[in-house]
Amino acid sequence: MYLDFKMARCDQGYLCRVCREEVEHITDSQLYLSYVIGEIDPETLHASPECHLRCAPAFSQFIADERFGTPPNVDGPFSKIQLDFEYVALRIKLVSRGYSRLWAIREERRKPLTVIEYPLPEFSEKWH
């Protein structure tokens, strides 16, 4: 069983910029996944727009994790099928590791982590 890690910004919560629904869990968050994999500076995290992973198919197509389910199919130039094979392989590895990290954060029971502890080790060092 995992902790029901809900995200909240004051009383309103984070709203998805695409569907305008609340992003309730860290494991549904493109914002936090981007942060964990070093794409968002911790100083701008609080001011960055949120999005459900399912509402960002060009990003979430790179998640290879059974907890996420089947990645979305993306048509057009941003489809992973249209991208360089080596880039896609590296992107799948990184984004999937980040997604797994979100689950580890969500399931942490001993001691809640601070936001600065969320990123993967190689990106945590980047912000210090």
Protein backbone atom coordinates (compact mmCIF):
# COMPACT_ATOMS: atom_id res chain seq x y z
CA MET A 1 0.00 0.00 0.00
CA TYR A 2 1.25 3.48 -0.78
CA LEU A 3 0.63 6.81 0.80
CA ASP A 4 -2.02 8.83 -0.94
CA PHE A 5 0.40 11.65 -1.86
CA LYS A 6 -1.84 14.45 -3.03
CA MET A 7 -0.50 17.64 -4.45
CA ALA A 8 -1.83 20.98 -3.38
CA ARG A 9 -1.07 24.59 -4.02
CA CYS A 10 -2.80 26.35 -1.15
CA ASP A 11 -6.42 25.17 -1.12
CA GLN A 12 -6.97 25.04 -4.87
CA GLY A 13 -4.42 22.43 -5.92
CA TYR A 14 -2.49 22.30 -9.18
CA LEU A 15 -4.70 22.58 -12.25
CA CYS A 16 -3.74 21.00 -15.56
CA ARG A 17 -3.08 23.62 -18.21
CA VAL A 18 -4.76 21.37 -20.81
CA CYS A 19 -7.92 19.92 -19.22
CA ARG A 20 -8.19 22.35 -16.26
CA GLU A 21 -8.78 19.43 -13.85
CA GLU A 22 -6.76 19.03 -10.66
CA VAL A 23 -3.54 17.01 -10.84
CA GLU A 24 -4.04 15.09 -7.63
CA HIS A 25 -1.00 12.83 -7.44
CA ILE A 26 2.67 13.35 -8.07
CA THR A 27 2.63 10.25 -10.29
CA ASP A 28 0.22 12.05 -12.65
CA SER A 29 2.35 15.19 -12.90
CA GLN A 30 4.34 16.26 -15.94
CA LEU A 31 5.68 19.19 -13.89
CA TYR A 32 7.21 17.01 -11.18
CA LEU A 33 8.46 14.42 -13.64
CA SER A 34 10.20 17.19 -15.58
CA TYR A 35 11.67 18.46 -12.31
CA VAL A 36 12.89 15.02 -11.24
CA ILE A 37 14.72 14.55 -14.55
CA GLY A 38 16.43 17.93 -14.35
CA GLU A 39 14.38 19.91 -16.85
CA ILE A 40 12.97 22.43 -14.37
CA ASP A 41 14.96 24.55 -11.95
CA PRO A 42 13.73 24.23 -8.34
CA GLU A 43 13.59 28.03 -8.13
CA THR A 44 10.91 28.12 -10.86
CA LEU A 45 9.01 24.96 -9.89
CA HIS A 46 6.31 26.81 -7.95
CA ALA A 47 5.61 29.15 -10.87
CA SER A 48 5.68 26.57 -13.68
CA PRO A 49 2.46 25.33 -15.31
CA GLU A 50 1.17 21.89 -14.37
CA CYS A 51 -0.13 19.19 -16.69
CA HIS A 52 -1.37 15.62 -16.35
CA LEU A 53 1.02 13.18 -17.98
CA ARG A 54 -1.89 11.86 -20.06
CA CYS A 55 -2.60 15.41 -21.26
CA ALA A 56 1.00 15.69 -22.55
CA PRO A 57 1.34 12.76 -24.96
CA ALA A 58 4.49 14.08 -26.68
CA PHE A 59 6.19 13.89 -23.27
CA SER A 60 4.52 10.81 -21.77
CA GLN A 61 5.10 8.62 -24.85
CA PHE A 62 8.57 8.03 -23.37
CA ILE A 63 7.32 6.40 -20.13
CA ALA A 64 7.98 2.66 -20.11
CA ASP A 65 6.52 1.54 -16.78
CA GLU A 66 3.62 -0.84 -16.20
CA ARG A 67 2.19 1.49 -13.53
CA PHE A 68 1.66 4.10 -16.24
CA GLY A 69 0.07 1.68 -18.64
CA THR A 70 0.33 1.90 -22.39
CA PRO A 71 2.07 5.07 -23.55
CA PRO A 72 0.00 7.24 -25.89
CA ASN A 73 0.46 7.13 -29.63
CA VAL A 74 1.61 10.44 -31.02
CA ASP A 75 1.15 11.39 -34.66
CA GLY A 76 3.29 13.82 -36.56
CA PRO A 77 6.81 15.16 -36.15
CA PHE A 78 6.90 14.70 -32.35
CA SER A 79 6.11 11.00 -32.50
CA LYS A 80 8.97 8.93 -31.14
CA ILE A 81 8.73 6.91 -34.34
CA GLN A 82 9.82 10.04 -36.26
CA LEU A 83 12.75 10.82 -33.94
CA ASP A 84 16.33 9.58 -33.89
CA PHE A 85 16.51 6.03 -32.53
CA GLU A 86 19.36 6.75 -30.09
CA TYR A 87 17.63 9.87 -28.77
CA VAL A 88 14.41 7.90 -28.23
CA ALA A 89 16.23 5.11 -26.37
CA LEU A 90 17.99 7.60 -24.06
CA ARG A 91 14.77 9.57 -23.53
CA ILE A 92 12.78 6.44 -22.65
CA LYS A 93 15.46 5.42 -20.15
CA LEU A 94 15.58 8.86 -18.49
CA VAL A 95 11.84 9.58 -18.40
CA SER A 96 11.07 6.05 -17.17
CA ARG A 97 13.66 6.37 -14.38
CA GLY A 98 12.09 9.68 -13.43
CA TYR A 99 8.61 8.17 -13.41
CA SER A 100 9.84 5.36 -11.18
CA ARG A 101 11.31 8.03 -8.88
CA LEU A 102 7.89 9.71 -8.62
CA TRP A 103 6.47 6.40 -7.42
CA ALA A 104 9.28 6.03 -4.86
CA ILE A 105 8.47 9.53 -3.57
CA ARG A 106 4.76 8.69 -3.43
CA GLU A 107 5.41 5.43 -1.56
CA GLU A 108 7.94 6.86 0.94
CA ARG A 109 6.66 6.07 4.44
CA ARG A 110 9.60 6.54 6.76
CA LYS A 111 10.28 10.21 6.28
CA PRO A 112 8.69 12.59 3.80
CA LEU A 113 11.27 13.98 1.41
CA THR A 114 11.77 17.67 0.85
CA VAL A 115 11.24 18.88 -2.70
CA ILE A 116 14.97 19.46 -3.12
CA GLU A 117 15.45 15.69 -2.56
CA TYR A 118 13.07 14.68 -5.38
CA PRO A 119 15.40 14.79 -8.43
CA LEU A 120 17.40 11.84 -9.66
CA PRO A 121 20.91 11.91 -8.14
CA GLU A 122 22.65 13.29 -11.22
CA PHE A 123 20.22 16.23 -11.33
CA SER A 124 20.10 16.80 -7.59
CA GLU A 125 23.77 17.68 -7.75
CA LYS A 126 23.06 20.09 -10.62
CA TRP A 127 20.98 22.38 -8.37
CA HIS A 128 23.40 22.50 -5.42
